[in-house]
Structures are given as C-alpha cells and as structure tokens.
Amino acid sequence: MNKYEIMFIVKATNEREQVNAVANNLKTLASANNSKVLEFKELGQKKLAYPIKKEINGYYFVMQVEADHETIKELDRKALLDENVLRHLIIKLDEE
C-alpha cells in the first residue's frame, strides 16, 4: 500500500451539514478495503483564487491515506461525479 495526500474543495454555498456529509463520505470511501486515513484536516472556508463553477468560496479539506491503487481510483471517480466537490487533487507521497 502507498501513502497519498488528497485535497478537495467543497462548495461553500451548501449548508454546513451538507459540507460535512460530503467530506465524511469521501473520508469513509478512503478508509474502505483495508485502507486507512492517517490524518484528516478541515482547513476551513477560503476565497478561491478564481471562480470555479460560479463559486468564489469553498471549504478546503486535506487527508493523508494509506491505500491501494484501486481505492484511490474509486475515490477519484466519486470526487469527479460529486457536484458538490469543486476540485480535488490526489498526490502519491514519496517513501521515506
């Protein structure tokens, strides 16, 4: 299993409960199939550098996970399909 860092931005125009539901959904998906979430941080609401889908603010989340390639592929697919996720980025961390 490899370590990955996943950053995603959720629409700020949603209710706070819906923002948390989207974040928890992705966190649950990341911890499936013998994978584990090592760290999960909510960075709060921030102004975007440029409008994305007519949104100017977003809630930022960062998590580090230890997962296999298939789990990461599924997480990437779900984040692309979720209309509440404005952007996401998955980075494979180097082995230390």
N, C-alpha and C. Protein backbone atom coordinates (compact mmCIF):
# COMPACT_ATOMS: atom_id res chain seq x y z
N MET A 1 0.84 -1.18 0.00
CA MET A 1 0.00 0.00 0.00
C MET A 1 0.88 1.24 0.00
N ASN A 2 0.40 2.26 -0.66
CA ASN A 2 1.12 3.52 -0.76
C ASN A 2 0.42 4.61 0.03
N LYS A 3 1.18 5.67 0.33
CA LYS A 3 0.61 6.81 1.02
C LYS A 3 0.25 7.88 -0.01
N TYR A 4 -0.92 8.48 0.20
CA TYR A 4 -1.42 9.52 -0.69
C TYR A 4 -1.89 10.70 0.13
N GLU A 5 -1.80 11.89 -0.46
CA GLU A 5 -2.40 13.08 0.13
C GLU A 5 -3.50 13.54 -0.81
N ILE A 6 -4.68 13.74 -0.26
CA ILE A 6 -5.85 14.11 -1.05
C ILE A 6 -6.37 15.45 -0.54
N MET A 7 -6.48 16.42 -1.44
CA MET A 7 -7.04 17.71 -1.11
C MET A 7 -8.29 17.89 -1.94
N PHE A 8 -9.36 18.37 -1.32
CA PHE A 8 -10.58 18.65 -2.08
C PHE A 8 -11.27 19.88 -1.53
N ILE A 9 -12.01 20.56 -2.43
CA ILE A 9 -12.73 21.78 -2.10
C ILE A 9 -14.21 21.51 -2.30
N VAL A 10 -15.00 21.82 -1.27
CA VAL A 10 -16.45 21.62 -1.31
C VAL A 10 -17.11 22.99 -1.42
N LYS A 11 -18.21 23.06 -2.17
CA LYS A 11 -18.95 24.31 -2.36
C LYS A 11 -19.31 24.93 -1.02
N ALA A 12 -19.07 26.24 -0.89
CA ALA A 12 -19.39 26.95 0.34
C ALA A 12 -20.85 27.39 0.39
N THR A 13 -21.55 27.35 -0.74
CA THR A 13 -22.95 27.76 -0.75
C THR A 13 -23.87 26.69 -0.17
N ASN A 14 -23.34 25.50 0.09
CA ASN A 14 -24.13 24.43 0.71
C ASN A 14 -24.30 24.71 2.20
N GLU A 15 -25.30 24.05 2.78
CA GLU A 15 -25.46 24.10 4.24
C GLU A 15 -24.26 23.42 4.89
N ARG A 16 -23.94 23.82 6.09
CA ARG A 16 -22.78 23.27 6.80
C ARG A 16 -22.90 21.75 6.97
N GLU A 17 -24.10 21.26 7.21
CA GLU A 17 -24.32 19.82 7.37
C GLU A 17 -24.01 19.07 6.08
N GLN A 18 -24.37 19.67 4.94
CA GLN A 18 -24.11 19.03 3.66
C GLN A 18 -22.62 19.02 3.34
N VAL A 19 -21.92 20.09 3.71
CA VAL A 19 -20.46 20.13 3.52
C VAL A 19 -19.81 19.02 4.32
N ASN A 20 -20.22 18.86 5.58
CA ASN A 20 -19.67 17.80 6.42
C ASN A 20 -20.02 16.41 5.89
N ALA A 21 -21.22 16.27 5.33
CA ALA A 21 -21.64 14.98 4.78
C ALA A 21 -20.77 14.61 3.57
N VAL A 22 -20.47 15.56 2.71
CA VAL A 22 -19.61 15.30 1.55
C VAL A 22 -18.21 14.90 2.01
N ALA A 23 -17.66 15.64 2.99
CA ALA A 23 -16.33 15.34 3.50
C ALA A 23 -16.29 13.96 4.17
N ASN A 24 -17.29 13.65 4.97
CA ASN A 24 -17.33 12.34 5.64
C ASN A 24 -17.53 11.20 4.65
N ASN A 25 -18.28 11.45 3.58
CA ASN A 25 -18.47 10.45 2.54
C ASN A 25 -17.13 10.09 1.88
N LEU A 26 -16.35 11.11 1.54
CA LEU A 26 -15.04 10.85 0.92
C LEU A 26 -14.08 10.21 1.92
N LYS A 27 -14.17 10.61 3.18
CA LYS A 27 -13.33 10.02 4.22
C LYS A 27 -13.66 8.54 4.41
N THR A 28 -14.94 8.21 4.42
CA THR A 28 -15.38 6.82 4.56
C THR A 28 -14.93 5.99 3.38
N LEU A 29 -15.04 6.56 2.19
CA LEU A 29 -14.61 5.86 0.99
C LEU A 29 -13.10 5.61 1.01
N ALA A 30 -12.35 6.57 1.54
CA ALA A 30 -10.89 6.43 1.61
C ALA A 30 -10.47 5.37 2.62
N SER A 31 -11.31 5.10 3.60
CA SER A 31 -10.94 4.12 4.63
C SER A 31 -11.51 2.73 4.34
N ALA A 32 -12.04 2.52 3.16
CA ALA A 32 -12.60 1.21 2.80
C ALA A 32 -11.51 0.27 2.28
N ASN A 33 -11.82 -1.01 2.26
CA ASN A 33 -10.94 -2.04 1.68
C ASN A 33 -9.53 -2.06 2.27
N ASN A 34 -9.43 -2.19 3.57
CA ASN A 34 -8.14 -2.28 4.29
C ASN A 34 -7.29 -1.02 4.18
N SER A 35 -7.84 0.06 3.68
CA SER A 35 -7.12 1.34 3.64
C SER A 35 -7.38 2.06 4.94
N LYS A 36 -6.52 3.01 5.26
CA LYS A 36 -6.76 3.77 6.48
C LYS A 36 -6.41 5.24 6.29
N VAL A 37 -7.21 6.08 6.94
CA VAL A 37 -6.98 7.52 6.91
C VAL A 37 -6.01 7.83 8.04
N LEU A 38 -4.84 8.35 7.69
CA LEU A 38 -3.82 8.66 8.68
C LEU A 38 -4.04 10.02 9.32
N GLU A 39 -4.54 10.96 8.51
CA GLU A 39 -4.74 12.32 9.00
C GLU A 39 -5.87 12.95 8.21
N PHE A 40 -6.72 13.72 8.88
CA PHE A 40 -7.83 14.41 8.22
C PHE A 40 -7.93 15.81 8.80
N LYS A 41 -7.81 16.82 7.95
CA LYS A 41 -7.85 18.21 8.42
C LYS A 41 -8.89 18.99 7.63
N GLU A 42 -9.64 19.78 8.36
CA GLU A 42 -10.52 20.75 7.71
C GLU A 42 -9.81 22.09 7.80
N LEU A 43 -9.51 22.69 6.66
CA LEU A 43 -8.78 23.95 6.64
C LEU A 43 -9.72 25.15 6.66
N GLY A 44 -11.01 24.91 6.59
CA GLY A 44 -11.99 25.98 6.70
C GLY A 44 -12.38 26.58 5.36
N GLN A 45 -13.19 27.61 5.46
CA GLN A 45 -13.68 28.28 4.25
C GLN A 45 -12.67 29.33 3.82
N LYS A 46 -12.35 29.32 2.52
CA LYS A 46 -11.39 30.28 1.97
C LYS A 46 -11.91 30.79 0.63
N LYS A 47 -11.43 31.96 0.26
CA LYS A 47 -11.77 32.53 -1.04
C LYS A 47 -10.92 31.83 -2.09
N LEU A 48 -11.56 31.45 -3.20
CA LEU A 48 -10.84 30.79 -4.28
C LEU A 48 -10.03 31.82 -5.07
N ALA A 49 -8.96 31.38 -5.69
CA ALA A 49 -8.12 32.28 -6.49
C ALA A 49 -8.87 32.77 -7.72
N TYR A 50 -9.76 31.95 -8.23
CA TYR A 50 -10.58 32.30 -9.38
C TYR A 50 -11.90 31.54 -9.25
N PRO A 51 -12.96 32.06 -9.85
CA PRO A 51 -14.25 31.37 -9.73
C PRO A 51 -14.23 29.97 -10.38
N ILE A 52 -14.80 29.01 -9.69
CA ILE A 52 -14.94 27.65 -10.19
C ILE A 52 -16.43 27.33 -10.16
N LYS A 53 -17.02 27.02 -11.31
CA LYS A 53 -18.45 26.73 -11.41
C LYS A 53 -19.28 27.82 -10.75
N LYS A 54 -18.90 29.06 -10.98
CA LYS A 54 -19.56 30.27 -10.46
C LYS A 54 -19.49 30.39 -8.94
N GLU A 55 -18.61 29.66 -8.31
CA GLU A 55 -18.39 29.74 -6.86
C GLU A 55 -17.14 30.57 -6.60
N ILE A 56 -17.18 31.39 -5.55
CA ILE A 56 -15.99 32.20 -5.23
C ILE A 56 -15.37 31.81 -3.88
N ASN A 57 -16.08 30.98 -3.11
CA ASN A 57 -15.57 30.48 -1.84
C ASN A 57 -15.73 28.97 -1.79
N GLY A 58 -14.91 28.33 -0.96
CA GLY A 58 -15.01 26.89 -0.81
C GLY A 58 -14.43 26.43 0.51
N TYR A 59 -14.89 25.27 0.97
CA TYR A 59 -14.34 24.64 2.18
C TYR A 59 -13.23 23.69 1.75
N TYR A 60 -12.05 23.87 2.32
CA TYR A 60 -10.88 23.07 1.98
C TYR A 60 -10.70 21.94 2.98
N PHE A 61 -10.37 20.76 2.48
CA PHE A 61 -10.10 19.59 3.30
C PHE A 61 -8.84 18.91 2.77
N VAL A 62 -8.02 18.38 3.68
CA VAL A 62 -6.81 17.63 3.31
C VAL A 62 -6.79 16.37 4.15
N MET A 63 -6.49 15.24 3.48
CA MET A 63 -6.33 14.00 4.24
C MET A 63 -5.18 13.19 3.67
N GLN A 64 -4.51 12.49 4.56
CA GLN A 64 -3.46 11.56 4.17
C GLN A 64 -4.00 10.16 4.40
N VAL A 65 -3.85 9.33 3.39
CA VAL A 65 -4.35 7.97 3.48
C VAL A 65 -3.28 6.98 3.06
N GLU A 66 -3.42 5.79 3.56
CA GLU A 66 -2.58 4.67 3.13
C GLU A 66 -3.55 3.71 2.44
N ALA A 67 -3.41 3.59 1.12
CA ALA A 67 -4.40 2.83 0.36
C ALA A 67 -3.76 2.19 -0.86
N ASP A 68 -4.51 1.26 -1.45
CA ASP A 68 -4.06 0.66 -2.70
C ASP A 68 -4.58 1.48 -3.88
N HIS A 69 -4.10 1.15 -5.06
CA HIS A 69 -4.41 1.91 -6.26
C HIS A 69 -5.90 1.88 -6.60
N GLU A 70 -6.56 0.76 -6.40
CA GLU A 70 -7.97 0.64 -6.73
C GLU A 70 -8.84 1.55 -5.87
N THR A 71 -8.52 1.66 -4.59
CA THR A 71 -9.28 2.53 -3.70
C THR A 71 -9.11 3.99 -4.12
N ILE A 72 -7.90 4.37 -4.49
CA ILE A 72 -7.64 5.74 -4.93
C ILE A 72 -8.36 6.03 -6.24
N LYS A 73 -8.39 5.05 -7.12
CA LYS A 73 -9.10 5.22 -8.39
C LYS A 73 -10.60 5.45 -8.15
N GLU A 74 -11.17 4.69 -7.24
CA GLU A 74 -12.59 4.83 -6.92
C GLU A 74 -12.87 6.18 -6.24
N LEU A 75 -11.98 6.61 -5.36
CA LEU A 75 -12.13 7.91 -4.70
C LEU A 75 -12.07 9.04 -5.73
N ASP A 76 -11.16 8.93 -6.69
CA ASP A 76 -11.03 9.92 -7.75
C ASP A 76 -12.32 9.97 -8.58
N ARG A 77 -12.87 8.82 -8.90
CA ARG A 77 -14.10 8.74 -9.69
C ARG A 77 -15.27 9.37 -8.95
N LYS A 78 -15.40 9.06 -7.66
CA LYS A 78 -16.51 9.60 -6.87
C LYS A 78 -16.40 11.12 -6.72
N ALA A 79 -15.17 11.61 -6.55
CA ALA A 79 -14.98 13.06 -6.41
C ALA A 79 -15.32 13.78 -7.71
N LEU A 80 -15.01 13.16 -8.83
CA LEU A 80 -15.36 13.76 -10.13
C LEU A 80 -16.87 13.79 -10.34
N LEU A 81 -17.57 12.78 -9.88
CA LEU A 81 -19.02 12.69 -10.07
C LEU A 81 -19.82 13.57 -9.11
N ASP A 82 -19.26 13.85 -7.94
CA ASP A 82 -19.98 14.63 -6.93
C ASP A 82 -19.99 16.10 -7.33
N GLU A 83 -21.19 16.65 -7.54
CA GLU A 83 -21.30 18.03 -7.98
C GLU A 83 -20.97 19.03 -6.87
N ASN A 84 -20.90 18.59 -5.62
CA ASN A 84 -20.55 19.47 -4.51
C ASN A 84 -19.04 19.64 -4.35
N VAL A 85 -18.26 18.77 -4.98
CA VAL A 85 -16.80 18.89 -4.93
C VAL A 85 -16.36 19.74 -6.11
N LEU A 86 -15.81 20.92 -5.81
CA LEU A 86 -15.37 21.82 -6.88
C LEU A 86 -14.10 21.33 -7.54
N ARG A 87 -13.11 20.98 -6.74
CA ARG A 87 -11.83 20.48 -7.24
C ARG A 87 -11.28 19.46 -6.25
N HIS A 88 -10.46 18.56 -6.77
CA HIS A 88 -9.74 17.63 -5.90
C HIS A 88 -8.38 17.33 -6.52
N LEU A 89 -7.46 16.95 -5.68
CA LEU A 89 -6.11 16.64 -6.12
C LEU A 89 -5.59 15.48 -5.29
N ILE A 90 -5.05 14.47 -5.96
CA ILE A 90 -4.50 13.30 -5.28
C ILE A 90 -3.02 13.21 -5.62
N ILE A 91 -2.18 13.20 -4.59
CA ILE A 91 -0.73 13.14 -4.78
C ILE A 91 -0.19 11.91 -4.07
N LYS A 92 0.62 11.13 -4.76
CA LYS A 92 1.28 9.99 -4.14
C LYS A 92 2.52 10.51 -3.43
N LEU A 93 2.62 10.20 -2.13
CA LEU A 93 3.75 10.68 -1.33
C LEU A 93 4.93 9.75 -1.51
N ASP A 94 6.12 10.32 -1.48
CA ASP A 94 7.34 9.53 -1.60
C ASP A 94 7.56 8.70 -0.36
N GLU A 95 8.16 7.56 -0.55
CA GLU A 95 8.54 6.70 0.58
C GLU A 95 9.74 7.32 1.27
N GLU A 96 9.71 7.35 2.59
CA GLU A 96 10.82 7.95 3.33
C GLU A 96 11.75 6.92 3.89
